Amino acid sequence: RWLSTQDAERLGYPTQKPEGLLERIISASSNEGDVVLDAFCGCGTTVAVAQRLKRKWIGIDITYQSIALVMRRLQDTFKNDPAVMSNITINGIPKDMEAARALAMKKDDRLRKEFEKWAVLTYTDNRAVINEKKGADAGIDGIAYFQTGSSSNAKVVFQVKSGNVGRGDIAKLRGDMQREDAAMAVFLTLQPPSKPMISEAMAVGTFEHDLMGRSYNKIEIVTVQELIEQEKRLDVPMSLEVLKSAQQKAAGDQLSLLDG
């Protein structure tokens, strides 16, 4: 049976295959302990099914966004078996500041965009949706939605900078946050922030999260060094349902751009 638009496993991508199909293919062509290779692993259907069928597997893709989606799917599918995630090795992502700078300083615009994706997805533990609308983002590189305890979800927006930064960047992000009707904004920077930048961010105030019973800075400045060396991550409650809804909307927007 092919996937309907309402299937629980549907992530919103038109090329996504049903798990039942991959289960039949993998079961018929391999045995437990064999290695399954998917060189275009996309939504992660093949690797998720291979893991469930007790196969070893190798998944390859060219963007951090795709790998993040695969990791998120595995985390949600095997959340009751932490050994699954601990046994996964990821190659090709920045693991130190030197590698992060090398990616950020690529001359090719497409490759530099991968630095932005990596920073946003790393900080959100793969829970954000990347803004793919070239030239129309007005400074917004990613969006995530989080639970507040009310009937609706709140939005947090992300901006990534790899070059020189200053107080004006925070002032602009404040305007972007208000325009996007976001509850919070995160400024991810390769360079350390200046004292005026920190003061500008603090002046915006705090967001009171009733569900968590705590306050968050409305604008948070996070350095890439904190991402790598301190493993600093976004600390707000986000459910799989919120993520799927955001991903499906983003996928639909991208398709409408192509159709237009």
C-alpha atoms as a PDB file:
ATOM      1  CA  ARG A   1       0.000   0.000   0.000  1.00  0.00           C
ATOM      2  CA  TRP A   2       1.340   3.435  -0.968  1.00  0.00           C
ATOM      3  CA  LEU A   3       1.493   6.250   1.581  1.00  0.00           C
ATOM      4  CA  SER A   4      -1.533   8.505   1.890  1.00  0.00           C
ATOM      5  CA  THR A   5      -1.195  12.141   2.932  1.00  0.00           C
ATOM      6  CA  GLN A   6      -2.402  11.220   6.430  1.00  0.00           C
ATOM      7  CA  ASP A   7      -0.122   8.241   7.118  1.00  0.00           C
ATOM      8  CA  ALA A   8       1.669   8.407  10.470  1.00  0.00           C
ATOM      9  CA  GLU A   9       5.049   7.785   8.825  1.00  0.00           C
ATOM     10  CA  ARG A  10       4.509  10.507   6.218  1.00  0.00           C
ATOM     11  CA  LEU A  11       7.075  13.344   6.539  1.00  0.00           C
ATOM     12  CA  GLY A  12       5.797  15.484   3.694  1.00  0.00           C
ATOM     13  CA  TYR A  13       8.286  14.594   0.938  1.00  0.00           C
ATOM     14  CA  PRO A  14       6.865  13.404  -2.418  1.00  0.00           C
ATOM     15  CA  THR A  15       9.551  10.749  -2.998  1.00  0.00           C
ATOM     16  CA  GLN A  16       9.107   9.089   0.404  1.00  0.00           C
ATOM     17  CA  LYS A  17       8.533   5.311   0.123  1.00  0.00           C
ATOM     18  CA  PRO A  18       6.367   3.277   2.529  1.00  0.00           C
ATOM     19  CA  GLU A  19       8.176   1.201   5.144  1.00  0.00           C
ATOM     20  CA  GLY A  20       6.220  -1.871   4.060  1.00  0.00           C
ATOM     21  CA  LEU A  21       7.770  -1.742   0.588  1.00  0.00           C
ATOM     22  CA  LEU A  22      11.321  -1.409   1.939  1.00  0.00           C
ATOM     23  CA  GLU A  23      10.668  -4.178   4.447  1.00  0.00           C
ATOM     24  CA  ARG A  24       9.769  -6.589   1.646  1.00  0.00           C
ATOM     25  CA  ILE A  25      12.779  -5.576  -0.463  1.00  0.00           C
ATOM     26  CA  ILE A  26      15.270  -5.855   2.405  1.00  0.00           C
ATOM     27  CA  SER A  27      13.801  -9.114   3.710  1.00  0.00           C
ATOM     28  CA  ALA A  28      13.916 -10.710   0.257  1.00  0.00           C
ATOM     29  CA  SER A  29      17.451  -9.612  -0.607  1.00  0.00           C
ATOM     30  CA  SER A  30      19.397  -9.925   2.665  1.00  0.00           C
ATOM     31  CA  ASN A  31      19.728 -11.754   5.956  1.00  0.00           C
ATOM     32  CA  GLU A  32      20.112 -10.555   9.533  1.00  0.00           C
ATOM     33  CA  GLY A  33      23.591  -9.126  10.031  1.00  0.00           C
ATOM     34  CA  ASP A  34      24.068  -8.235   6.345  1.00  0.00           C
ATOM     35  CA  VAL A  35      24.924  -4.671   5.312  1.00  0.00           C
ATOM     36  CA  VAL A  36      22.329  -2.533   3.521  1.00  0.00           C
ATOM     37  CA  LEU A  37      23.585   0.514   1.586  1.00  0.00           C
ATOM     38  CA  ASP A  38      21.383   3.473   0.671  1.00  0.00           C
ATOM     39  CA  ALA A  39      23.509   6.060  -1.136  1.00  0.00           C
ATOM     40  CA  PHE A  40      20.626   8.554  -1.290  1.00  0.00           C
ATOM     41  CA  CYS A  41      19.058   7.945   2.102  1.00  0.00           C
ATOM     42  CA  GLY A  42      16.727  10.970   1.979  1.00  0.00           C
ATOM     43  CA  CYS A  43      13.944  10.534   4.547  1.00  0.00           C
ATOM     44  CA  GLY A  44      15.667   7.592   6.227  1.00  0.00           C
ATOM     45  CA  THR A  45      13.087   4.933   5.397  1.00  0.00           C
ATOM     46  CA  THR A  46      15.671   2.378   4.264  1.00  0.00           C
ATOM     47  CA  VAL A  47      17.960   2.753   7.267  1.00  0.00           C
ATOM     48  CA  ALA A  48      15.063   2.733   9.746  1.00  0.00           C
ATOM     49  CA  VAL A  49      13.677  -0.485   8.276  1.00  0.00           C
ATOM     50  CA  ALA A  50      17.146  -2.049   8.018  1.00  0.00           C
ATOM     51  CA  GLN A  51      17.739  -1.275  11.693  1.00  0.00           C
ATOM     52  CA  ARG A  52      14.404  -2.811  12.669  1.00  0.00           C
ATOM     53  CA  LEU A  53      15.176  -5.940  10.622  1.00  0.00           C
ATOM     54  CA  LYS A  54      18.547  -6.313  12.399  1.00  0.00           C
ATOM     55  CA  ARG A  55      20.684  -5.414   9.401  1.00  0.00           C
ATOM     56  CA  LYS A  56      23.793  -3.309   9.495  1.00  0.00           C
ATOM     57  CA  TRP A  57      23.454  -0.278   7.280  1.00  0.00           C
ATOM     58  CA  ILE A  58      25.224   2.650   5.619  1.00  0.00           C
ATOM     59  CA  GLY A  59      23.277   5.777   4.699  1.00  0.00           C
ATOM     60  CA  ILE A  60      24.711   8.550   2.517  1.00  0.00           C
ATOM     61  CA  ASP A  61      23.346  11.951   1.539  1.00  0.00           C
ATOM     62  CA  ILE A  62      24.815  15.266   0.431  1.00  0.00           C
ATOM     63  CA  THR A  63      23.150  17.722   2.849  1.00  0.00           C
ATOM     64  CA  TYR A  64      23.134  18.146   6.615  1.00  0.00           C
ATOM     65  CA  GLN A  65      19.378  18.623   6.417  1.00  0.00           C
ATOM     66  CA  SER A  66      18.868  15.121   5.020  1.00  0.00           C
ATOM     67  CA  ILE A  67      21.178  13.520   7.572  1.00  0.00           C
ATOM     68  CA  ALA A  68      19.423  15.436  10.353  1.00  0.00           C
ATOM     69  CA  LEU A  69      16.067  14.091   9.179  1.00  0.00           C
ATOM     70  CA  VAL A  70      17.428  10.539   9.180  1.00  0.00           C
ATOM     71  CA  MET A  71      18.820  10.956  12.703  1.00  0.00           C
ATOM     72  CA  ARG A  72      15.566  12.445  13.967  1.00  0.00           C
ATOM     73  CA  ARG A  73      13.608   9.561  12.483  1.00  0.00           C
ATOM     74  CA  LEU A  74      15.888   6.992  14.105  1.00  0.00           C
ATOM     75  CA  GLN A  75      15.711   8.790  17.448  1.00  0.00           C
ATOM     76  CA  ASP A  76      11.925   8.806  17.386  1.00  0.00           C
ATOM     77  CA  THR A  77      11.575   5.263  16.040  1.00  0.00           C
ATOM     78  CA  PHE A  78      14.007   3.684  18.497  1.00  0.00           C
ATOM     79  CA  LYS A  79      13.522   5.987  21.488  1.00  0.00           C
ATOM     80  CA  ASN A  80      13.136   2.953  23.769  1.00  0.00           C
ATOM     81  CA  ASP A  81      16.451   1.473  22.632  1.00  0.00           C
ATOM     82  CA  PRO A  82      19.232   4.014  23.335  1.00  0.00           C
ATOM     83  CA  ALA A  83      21.878   1.546  22.137  1.00  0.00           C
ATOM     84  CA  VAL A  84      20.751   2.163  18.550  1.00  0.00           C
ATOM     85  CA  MET A  85      21.779   5.822  18.547  1.00  0.00           C
ATOM     86  CA  SER A  86      24.969   5.236  20.527  1.00  0.00           C
ATOM     87  CA  ASN A  87      26.200   2.804  17.864  1.00  0.00           C
ATOM     88  CA  ILE A  88      25.768   5.239  14.954  1.00  0.00           C
ATOM     89  CA  THR A  89      28.839   7.005  13.565  1.00  0.00           C
ATOM     90  CA  ILE A  90      28.357  10.186  11.525  1.00  0.00           C
ATOM     91  CA  ASN A  91      31.130  11.324   9.200  1.00  0.00           C
ATOM     92  CA  GLY A  92      31.471  14.609   7.337  1.00  0.00           C
ATOM     93  CA  ILE A  93      30.166  17.053   9.965  1.00  0.00           C
ATOM     94  CA  PRO A  94      32.244  19.633  11.871  1.00  0.00           C
ATOM     95  CA  LYS A  95      33.568  18.184  15.116  1.00  0.00           C
ATOM     96  CA  ASP A  96      35.943  21.008  16.046  1.00  0.00           C
ATOM     97  CA  MET A  97      36.295  24.741  15.440  1.00  0.00           C
ATOM     98  CA  GLU A  98      38.779  24.279  12.614  1.00  0.00           C
ATOM     99  CA  ALA A  99      36.305  22.150  10.661  1.00  0.00           C
ATOM    100  CA  ALA A 100      33.458  24.575  11.389  1.00  0.00           C
ATOM    101  CA  ARG A 101      35.488  27.541  10.125  1.00  0.00           C
ATOM    102  CA  ALA A 102      36.514  25.614   7.010  1.00  0.00           C
ATOM    103  CA  LEU A 103      32.868  24.920   6.168  1.00  0.00           C
ATOM    104  CA  ALA A 104      31.781  28.494   6.927  1.00  0.00           C
ATOM    105  CA  MET A 105      34.482  29.998   4.706  1.00  0.00           C
ATOM    106  CA  LYS A 106      33.715  27.976   1.569  1.00  0.00           C
ATOM    107  CA  LYS A 107      33.607  30.180  -1.535  1.00  0.00           C
ATOM    108  CA  ASP A 108      30.637  28.332  -2.998  1.00  0.00           C
ATOM    109  CA  ASP A 109      27.369  29.857  -1.709  1.00  0.00           C
ATOM    110  CA  ARG A 110      25.689  26.449  -1.669  1.00  0.00           C
ATOM    111  CA  LEU A 111      28.387  25.015   0.576  1.00  0.00           C
ATOM    112  CA  ARG A 112      28.258  28.025   2.902  1.00  0.00           C
ATOM    113  CA  LYS A 113      24.526  27.417   3.222  1.00  0.00           C
ATOM    114  CA  GLU A 114      25.407  23.969   4.564  1.00  0.00           C
ATOM    115  CA  PHE A 115      27.193  25.692   7.462  1.00  0.00           C
ATOM    116  CA  GLU A 116      23.969  27.513   8.316  1.00  0.00           C
ATOM    117  CA  LYS A 117      21.977  24.291   8.132  1.00  0.00           C
ATOM    118  CA  TRP A 118      24.483  22.440  10.287  1.00  0.00           C
ATOM    119  CA  ALA A 119      24.460  25.161  12.965  1.00  0.00           C
ATOM    120  CA  VAL A 120      20.661  25.389  13.170  1.00  0.00           C
ATOM    121  CA  LEU A 121      20.071  21.634  13.112  1.00  0.00           C
ATOM    122  CA  THR A 122      22.830  20.932  15.619  1.00  0.00           C
ATOM    123  CA  TYR A 123      21.544  23.517  18.086  1.00  0.00           C
ATOM    124  CA  THR A 124      17.958  22.244  17.820  1.00  0.00           C
ATOM    125  CA  ASP A 125      18.925  18.559  17.938  1.00  0.00           C
ATOM    126  CA  ASN A 126      17.546  18.212  14.389  1.00  0.00           C
ATOM    127  CA  ARG A 127      14.142  19.633  15.350  1.00  0.00           C
ATOM    128  CA  ALA A 128      14.173  22.810  13.236  1.00  0.00           C
ATOM    129  CA  VAL A 129      12.947  23.372   9.695  1.00  0.00           C
ATOM    130  CA  ILE A 130      15.495  24.997   7.398  1.00  0.00           C
ATOM    131  CA  ASN A 131      14.405  28.015   5.375  1.00  0.00           C
ATOM    132  CA  GLU A 132      15.095  27.085   1.741  1.00  0.00           C
ATOM    133  CA  LYS A 133      13.534  30.174   0.146  1.00  0.00           C
ATOM    134  CA  LYS A 134      16.582  31.748  -1.474  1.00  0.00           C
ATOM    135  CA  GLY A 135      16.564  35.521  -1.279  1.00  0.00           C
ATOM    136  CA  ALA A 136      13.263  35.659   0.600  1.00  0.00           C
ATOM    137  CA  ASP A 137      14.329  34.745   4.112  1.00  0.00           C
ATOM    138  CA  ALA A 138      14.989  38.323   5.290  1.00  0.00           C
ATOM    139  CA  GLY A 139      17.685  36.954   7.547  1.00  0.00           C
ATOM    140  CA  ILE A 140      15.837  33.903   8.875  1.00  0.00           C
ATOM    141  CA  ASP A 141      17.765  30.651   8.360  1.00  0.00           C
ATOM    142  CA  GLY A 142      15.520  28.270  10.289  1.00  0.00           C
ATOM    143  CA  ILE A 143      12.309  27.971  12.280  1.00  0.00           C
ATOM    144  CA  ALA A 144      11.174  25.660  15.065  1.00  0.00           C
ATOM    145  CA  TYR A 145       7.871  25.366  16.895  1.00  0.00           C
ATOM    146  CA  PHE A 146       7.590  24.449  20.549  1.00  0.00           C
ATOM    147  CA  GLN A 147       4.857  23.583  23.010  1.00  0.00           C
ATOM    148  CA  THR A 148       3.686  26.241  25.440  1.00  0.00           C
ATOM    149  CA  GLY A 149       0.866  24.457  27.238  1.00  0.00           C
ATOM    150  CA  SER A 150      -1.809  26.417  25.361  1.00  0.00           C
ATOM    151  CA  SER A 151      -3.796  25.296  22.328  1.00  0.00           C
ATOM    152  CA  SER A 152      -1.225  26.727  19.923  1.00  0.00           C
ATOM    153  CA  ASN A 153       2.535  26.340  19.516  1.00  0.00           C
ATOM    154  CA  ALA A 154       5.050  29.178  19.715  1.00  0.00           C
ATOM    155  CA  LYS A 155       7.709  29.934  17.123  1.00  0.00           C
ATOM    156  CA  VAL A 156      11.456  30.428  17.506  1.00  0.00           C
ATOM    157  CA  VAL A 157      13.513  31.749  14.583  1.00  0.00           C
ATOM    158  CA  PHE A 158      17.225  31.283  13.917  1.00  0.00           C
ATOM    159  CA  GLN A 159      19.838  33.396  12.191  1.00  0.00           C
ATOM    160  CA  VAL A 160      23.393  32.221  11.482  1.00  0.00           C
ATOM    161  CA  LYS A 161      26.400  34.481  10.924  1.00  0.00           C
ATOM    162  CA  SER A 162      29.921  33.382   9.999  1.00  0.00           C
ATOM    163  CA  GLY A 163      31.517  36.808   9.456  1.00  0.00           C
ATOM    164  CA  ASN A 164      31.953  39.915  11.563  1.00  0.00           C
ATOM    165  CA  VAL A 165      29.010  40.693  13.841  1.00  0.00           C
ATOM    166  CA  GLY A 166      27.873  43.737  15.809  1.00  0.00           C
ATOM    167  CA  ARG A 167      25.058  45.286  17.813  1.00  0.00           C
ATOM    168  CA  GLY A 168      23.161  46.141  14.628  1.00  0.00           C
ATOM    169  CA  ASP A 169      22.765  42.434  13.834  1.00  0.00           C
ATOM    170  CA  ILE A 170      20.868  41.898  17.078  1.00  0.00           C
ATOM    171  CA  ALA A 171      18.695  44.960  16.490  1.00  0.00           C
ATOM    172  CA  LYS A 172      17.806  43.636  13.032  1.00  0.00           C
ATOM    173  CA  LEU A 173      17.062  40.173  14.410  1.00  0.00           C
ATOM    174  CA  ARG A 174      14.678  41.778  16.891  1.00  0.00           C
ATOM    175  CA  GLY A 175      12.778  43.296  13.974  1.00  0.00           C
ATOM    176  CA  ASP A 176      12.785  39.964  12.122  1.00  0.00           C
ATOM    177  CA  MET A 177      11.447  38.208  15.218  1.00  0.00           C
ATOM    178  CA  GLN A 178       8.591  40.685  15.526  1.00  0.00           C
ATOM    179  CA  ARG A 179       7.782  40.474  11.810  1.00  0.00           C
ATOM    180  CA  GLU A 180       7.652  36.656  12.014  1.00  0.00           C
ATOM    181  CA  ASP A 181       5.476  36.865  15.142  1.00  0.00           C
ATOM    182  CA  ALA A 182       8.003  34.633  16.921  1.00  0.00           C
ATOM    183  CA  ALA A 183       8.211  34.225  20.678  1.00  0.00           C
ATOM    184  CA  MET A 184      11.994  33.888  20.635  1.00  0.00           C
ATOM    185  CA  ALA A 185      15.005  34.232  18.346  1.00  0.00           C
ATOM    186  CA  VAL A 186      18.451  32.634  18.400  1.00  0.00           C
ATOM    187  CA  PHE A 187      21.551  34.270  16.925  1.00  0.00           C
ATOM    188  CA  LEU A 188      24.146  31.608  16.054  1.00  0.00           C
ATOM    189  CA  THR A 189      27.565  33.102  15.418  1.00  0.00           C
ATOM    190  CA  LEU A 190      30.999  31.824  14.482  1.00  0.00           C
ATOM    191  CA  GLN A 191      32.590  34.921  16.039  1.00  0.00           C
ATOM    192  CA  PRO A 192      32.264  35.769  19.759  1.00  0.00           C
ATOM    193  CA  PRO A 193      29.643  38.446  20.524  1.00  0.00           C
ATOM    194  CA  SER A 194      30.614  41.905  21.729  1.00  0.00           C
ATOM    195  CA  LYS A 195      29.351  43.422  24.980  1.00  0.00           C
ATOM    196  CA  PRO A 196      27.021  45.819  23.088  1.00  0.00           C
ATOM    197  CA  MET A 197      25.510  42.800  21.288  1.00  0.00           C
ATOM    198  CA  ILE A 198      24.867  41.026  24.579  1.00  0.00           C
ATOM    199  CA  SER A 199      23.349  44.185  26.079  1.00  0.00           C
ATOM    200  CA  GLU A 200      21.104  44.644  23.030  1.00  0.00           C
ATOM    201  CA  ALA A 201      19.856  41.059  23.341  1.00  0.00           C
ATOM    202  CA  MET A 202      19.242  41.331  27.082  1.00  0.00           C
ATOM    203  CA  ALA A 203      17.264  44.553  26.582  1.00  0.00           C
ATOM    204  CA  VAL A 204      14.643  42.672  24.552  1.00  0.00           C
ATOM    205  CA  GLY A 205      13.492  40.890  27.710  1.00  0.00           C
ATOM    206  CA  THR A 206      12.297  37.376  28.484  1.00  0.00           C
ATOM    207  CA  PHE A 207       9.622  34.931  27.363  1.00  0.00           C
ATOM    208  CA  GLU A 208       7.673  33.363  30.228  1.00  0.00           C
ATOM    209  CA  HIS A 209       7.079  29.686  29.509  1.00  0.00           C
ATOM    210  CA  ASP A 210       4.070  28.547  31.562  1.00  0.00           C
ATOM    211  CA  LEU A 211       4.502  24.869  30.707  1.00  0.00           C
ATOM    212  CA  MET A 212       8.120  24.783  31.855  1.00  0.00           C
ATOM    213  CA  GLY A 213       7.678  27.282  34.654  1.00  0.00           C
ATOM    214  CA  ARG A 214      10.747  29.254  33.635  1.00  0.00           C
ATOM    215  CA  SER A 215      11.919  32.278  31.687  1.00  0.00           C
ATOM    216  CA  TYR A 216      13.888  32.320  28.423  1.00  0.00           C
ATOM    217  CA  ASN A 217      15.731  35.214  26.847  1.00  0.00           C
ATOM    218  CA  LYS A 218      13.685  36.413  23.899  1.00  0.00           C
ATOM    219  CA  ILE A 219      16.933  36.740  21.959  1.00  0.00           C
ATOM    220  CA  GLU A 220      19.647  34.214  22.750  1.00  0.00           C
ATOM    221  CA  ILE A 221      23.189  34.525  21.401  1.00  0.00           C
ATOM    222  CA  VAL A 222      24.944  31.180  20.928  1.00  0.00           C
ATOM    223  CA  THR A 223      28.457  30.713  19.565  1.00  0.00           C
ATOM    224  CA  VAL A 224      29.575  27.840  17.364  1.00  0.00           C
ATOM    225  CA  GLN A 225      32.244  27.154  19.967  1.00  0.00           C
ATOM    226  CA  GLU A 226      29.470  26.548  22.516  1.00  0.00           C
ATOM    227  CA  LEU A 227      27.745  24.208  20.049  1.00  0.00           C
ATOM    228  CA  ILE A 228      30.872  22.096  19.629  1.00  0.00           C
ATOM    229  CA  GLU A 229      32.744  22.262  22.915  1.00  0.00           C
ATOM    230  CA  GLN A 230      29.860  22.628  25.388  1.00  0.00           C
ATOM    231  CA  GLU A 231      27.220  20.867  23.277  1.00  0.00           C
ATOM    232  CA  LYS A 232      24.806  23.703  23.988  1.00  0.00           C
ATOM    233  CA  ARG A 233      21.313  22.934  22.702  1.00  0.00           C
ATOM    234  CA  LEU A 234      17.861  24.498  22.521  1.00  0.00           C
ATOM    235  CA  ASP A 235      16.019  23.644  25.729  1.00  0.00           C
ATOM    236  CA  VAL A 236      12.316  23.959  25.003  1.00  0.00           C
ATOM    237  CA  PRO A 237       9.758  21.103  24.713  1.00  0.00           C
ATOM    238  CA  MET A 238       9.094  20.038  21.134  1.00  0.00           C
ATOM    239  CA  SER A 239       7.042  17.005  20.162  1.00  0.00           C
ATOM    240  CA  LEU A 240       7.299  14.782  17.092  1.00  0.00           C
ATOM    241  CA  GLU A 241       3.848  15.983  16.021  1.00  0.00           C
ATOM    242  CA  VAL A 242       5.003  19.607  16.046  1.00  0.00           C
ATOM    243  CA  LEU A 243       8.074  18.674  13.993  1.00  0.00           C
ATOM    244  CA  LYS A 244       6.079  16.690  11.416  1.00  0.00           C
ATOM    245  CA  SER A 245       3.577  19.500  10.975  1.00  0.00           C
ATOM    246  CA  ALA A 246       6.354  22.014  10.375  1.00  0.00           C
ATOM    247  CA  GLN A 247       8.209  19.714   7.973  1.00  0.00           C
ATOM    248  CA  GLN A 248       5.068  19.002   5.958  1.00  0.00           C
ATOM    249  CA  LYS A 249       4.327  22.719   5.656  1.00  0.00           C
ATOM    250  CA  ALA A 250       7.903  23.434   4.577  1.00  0.00           C
ATOM    251  CA  ALA A 251       7.835  20.624   2.013  1.00  0.00           C
ATOM    252  CA  GLY A 252       4.544  21.925   0.636  1.00  0.00           C
ATOM    253  CA  ASP A 253       5.929  25.450   0.349  1.00  0.00           C
ATOM    254  CA  GLN A 254       8.959  24.169  -1.553  1.00  0.00           C
ATOM    255  CA  LEU A 255       6.769  22.219  -3.979  1.00  0.00           C
ATOM    256  CA  SER A 256       4.586  25.265  -4.613  1.00  0.00           C
ATOM    257  CA  LEU A 257       7.678  27.275  -5.491  1.00  0.00           C
ATOM    258  CA  LEU A 258       8.735  24.603  -7.972  1.00  0.00           C
ATOM    259  CA  ASP A 259       5.265  24.386  -9.485  1.00  0.00           C
ATOM    260  CA  GLY A 260       5.139  28.154  -9.844  1.00  0.00           C
END
